[in-house]
Amino acid sequence: MKPNVGPVDGLLRILIGLIIVVLGIVLHNWWGLIGLIPITTGIFKICPLYLLLKISTSEKEG
């Protein structure tokens, strides 16, 4: 599968995901697990929603 998440987008996803996870831990709330979604998409550079909408923030090849 071709990556569709660019470097800046991926970094922002990881940072936002970490903030959500930390807030979940601080507030003793299981909703912090939702932060794992942007972290995962930022690390693996593939976003299923971007695939459905045919969006790509990754750099073009060639």
N, C-alpha and C. Protein backbone atom coordinates (compact mmCIF):
# COMPACT_ATOMS: atom_id res chain seq x y z
N MET A 1 0.83 -1.17 0.00
CA MET A 1 0.00 0.00 0.00
C MET A 1 0.89 1.24 0.00
N LYS A 2 0.52 2.22 -0.80
CA LYS A 2 1.29 3.44 -0.94
C LYS A 2 0.98 4.41 0.21
N PRO A 3 2.01 4.99 0.83
CA PRO A 3 1.77 5.95 1.91
C PRO A 3 0.99 7.17 1.41
N ASN A 4 0.05 7.64 2.23
CA ASN A 4 -0.72 8.82 1.85
C ASN A 4 -0.67 9.91 2.94
N VAL A 5 0.24 9.75 3.91
CA VAL A 5 0.42 10.73 4.97
C VAL A 5 1.83 11.29 4.86
N GLY A 6 1.92 12.60 4.68
CA GLY A 6 3.22 13.25 4.54
C GLY A 6 3.94 13.40 5.86
N PRO A 7 5.18 13.90 5.80
CA PRO A 7 6.00 14.00 7.03
C PRO A 7 5.43 14.98 8.06
N VAL A 8 4.98 16.14 7.63
CA VAL A 8 4.42 17.12 8.57
C VAL A 8 3.10 16.61 9.14
N ASP A 9 2.26 16.08 8.28
CA ASP A 9 0.99 15.50 8.70
C ASP A 9 1.22 14.36 9.70
N GLY A 10 2.18 13.51 9.42
CA GLY A 10 2.48 12.39 10.31
C GLY A 10 2.96 12.85 11.67
N LEU A 11 3.83 13.86 11.69
CA LEU A 11 4.34 14.39 12.95
C LEU A 11 3.21 15.01 13.78
N LEU A 12 2.35 15.77 13.12
CA LEU A 12 1.22 16.37 13.83
C LEU A 12 0.28 15.31 14.39
N ARG A 13 0.05 14.25 13.63
CA ARG A 13 -0.80 13.16 14.11
C ARG A 13 -0.21 12.51 15.36
N ILE A 14 1.09 12.28 15.33
CA ILE A 14 1.75 11.65 16.48
C ILE A 14 1.66 12.56 17.71
N LEU A 15 1.92 13.85 17.53
CA LEU A 15 1.87 14.79 18.66
C LEU A 15 0.45 14.90 19.23
N ILE A 16 -0.54 15.03 18.36
CA ILE A 16 -1.93 15.13 18.82
C ILE A 16 -2.35 13.84 19.51
N GLY A 17 -1.96 12.71 18.95
CA GLY A 17 -2.27 11.43 19.57
C GLY A 17 -1.67 11.29 20.96
N LEU A 18 -0.42 11.73 21.10
CA LEU A 18 0.23 11.68 22.42
C LEU A 18 -0.48 12.58 23.43
N ILE A 19 -0.91 13.75 22.98
CA ILE A 19 -1.64 14.66 23.87
C ILE A 19 -2.95 14.00 24.34
N ILE A 20 -3.66 13.37 23.43
CA ILE A 20 -4.93 12.71 23.78
C ILE A 20 -4.69 11.57 24.76
N VAL A 21 -3.64 10.78 24.53
CA VAL A 21 -3.33 9.66 25.42
C VAL A 21 -2.97 10.18 26.82
N VAL A 22 -2.14 11.22 26.88
CA VAL A 22 -1.74 11.77 28.17
C VAL A 22 -2.96 12.34 28.91
N LEU A 23 -3.83 13.03 28.19
CA LEU A 23 -5.05 13.54 28.83
C LEU A 23 -5.91 12.40 29.37
N GLY A 24 -6.00 11.31 28.63
CA GLY A 24 -6.75 10.16 29.10
C GLY A 24 -6.16 9.58 30.37
N ILE A 25 -4.83 9.56 30.44
CA ILE A 25 -4.17 9.03 31.64
C ILE A 25 -4.38 9.98 32.82
N VAL A 26 -4.19 11.28 32.58
CA VAL A 26 -4.33 12.27 33.66
C VAL A 26 -5.76 12.31 34.19
N LEU A 27 -6.73 12.22 33.29
CA LEU A 27 -8.14 12.29 33.69
C LEU A 27 -8.71 10.93 34.08
N HIS A 28 -7.88 9.90 34.08
CA HIS A 28 -8.31 8.53 34.40
C HIS A 28 -9.53 8.12 33.57
N ASN A 29 -9.38 8.28 32.26
CA ASN A 29 -10.49 8.03 31.35
C ASN A 29 -10.00 7.13 30.21
N TRP A 30 -10.79 6.14 29.85
CA TRP A 30 -10.39 5.22 28.79
C TRP A 30 -10.49 5.86 27.41
N TRP A 31 -11.09 7.03 27.29
CA TRP A 31 -11.18 7.71 26.00
C TRP A 31 -9.80 8.11 25.48
N GLY A 32 -8.81 8.09 26.33
CA GLY A 32 -7.44 8.38 25.90
C GLY A 32 -6.92 7.37 24.89
N LEU A 33 -7.54 6.19 24.86
CA LEU A 33 -7.14 5.17 23.89
C LEU A 33 -7.40 5.61 22.45
N ILE A 34 -8.30 6.56 22.26
CA ILE A 34 -8.58 7.07 20.92
C ILE A 34 -7.33 7.74 20.35
N GLY A 35 -6.45 8.21 21.21
CA GLY A 35 -5.20 8.81 20.76
C GLY A 35 -4.29 7.85 20.04
N LEU A 36 -4.52 6.55 20.21
CA LEU A 36 -3.71 5.55 19.51
C LEU A 36 -3.97 5.55 18.00
N ILE A 37 -5.14 6.00 17.59
CA ILE A 37 -5.47 6.02 16.16
C ILE A 37 -4.57 7.00 15.40
N PRO A 38 -4.50 8.27 15.80
CA PRO A 38 -3.60 9.16 15.05
C PRO A 38 -2.12 8.78 15.20
N ILE A 39 -1.75 8.21 16.34
CA ILE A 39 -0.36 7.78 16.50
C ILE A 39 -0.04 6.68 15.49
N THR A 40 -0.94 5.72 15.36
CA THR A 40 -0.73 4.60 14.42
C THR A 40 -0.68 5.08 12.98
N THR A 41 -1.61 5.96 12.60
CA THR A 41 -1.60 6.45 11.21
C THR A 41 -0.37 7.31 10.95
N GLY A 42 0.11 8.02 11.96
CA GLY A 42 1.32 8.83 11.79
C GLY A 42 2.58 7.99 11.65
N ILE A 43 2.64 6.88 12.37
CA ILE A 43 3.81 6.01 12.30
C ILE A 43 3.85 5.22 11.00
N PHE A 44 2.71 4.63 10.62
CA PHE A 44 2.68 3.78 9.44
C PHE A 44 2.44 4.54 8.14
N LYS A 45 2.16 5.84 8.24
CA LYS A 45 1.99 6.73 7.08
C LYS A 45 0.84 6.33 6.16
N ILE A 46 -0.16 5.64 6.70
CA ILE A 46 -1.33 5.26 5.91
C ILE A 46 -2.58 5.59 6.71
N CYS A 47 -3.46 6.40 6.11
CA CYS A 47 -4.71 6.79 6.75
C CYS A 47 -5.88 6.22 5.95
N PRO A 48 -6.69 5.34 6.56
CA PRO A 48 -7.82 4.76 5.84
C PRO A 48 -8.83 5.81 5.36
N LEU A 49 -9.05 6.86 6.12
CA LEU A 49 -9.98 7.90 5.70
C LEU A 49 -9.45 8.62 4.47
N TYR A 50 -8.14 8.88 4.43
CA TYR A 50 -7.54 9.49 3.25
C TYR A 50 -7.71 8.59 2.02
N LEU A 51 -7.62 7.26 2.22
CA LEU A 51 -7.82 6.34 1.11
C LEU A 51 -9.23 6.46 0.55
N LEU A 52 -10.22 6.52 1.44
CA LEU A 52 -11.61 6.64 0.99
C LEU A 52 -11.86 7.95 0.25
N LEU A 53 -11.26 9.03 0.75
CA LEU A 53 -11.47 10.35 0.15
C LEU A 53 -10.49 10.67 -0.97
N LYS A 54 -9.58 9.74 -1.24
CA LYS A 54 -8.56 9.91 -2.28
C LYS A 54 -7.71 11.17 -2.06
N ILE A 55 -7.28 11.34 -0.80
CA ILE A 55 -6.43 12.46 -0.41
C ILE A 55 -5.04 11.92 -0.11
N SER A 56 -4.04 12.71 -0.42
CA SER A 56 -2.65 12.34 -0.09
C SER A 56 -1.87 13.59 0.27
N THR A 57 -1.22 13.57 1.43
CA THR A 57 -0.36 14.69 1.81
C THR A 57 1.11 14.31 1.65
N SER A 58 1.36 13.10 1.16
CA SER A 58 2.75 12.68 0.95
C SER A 58 3.29 13.31 -0.33
N GLU A 59 4.60 13.36 -0.41
CA GLU A 59 5.23 13.97 -1.57
C GLU A 59 5.06 13.08 -2.79
N LYS A 60 4.90 13.71 -3.91
CA LYS A 60 4.75 12.99 -5.19
C LYS A 60 6.07 12.36 -5.60
N GLU A 61 5.98 11.16 -6.20
CA GLU A 61 7.18 10.50 -6.71
C GLU A 61 7.43 10.92 -8.14
N GLY A 62 8.72 11.05 -8.48
CA GLY A 62 9.09 11.35 -9.85
C GLY A 62 8.78 12.74 -10.17
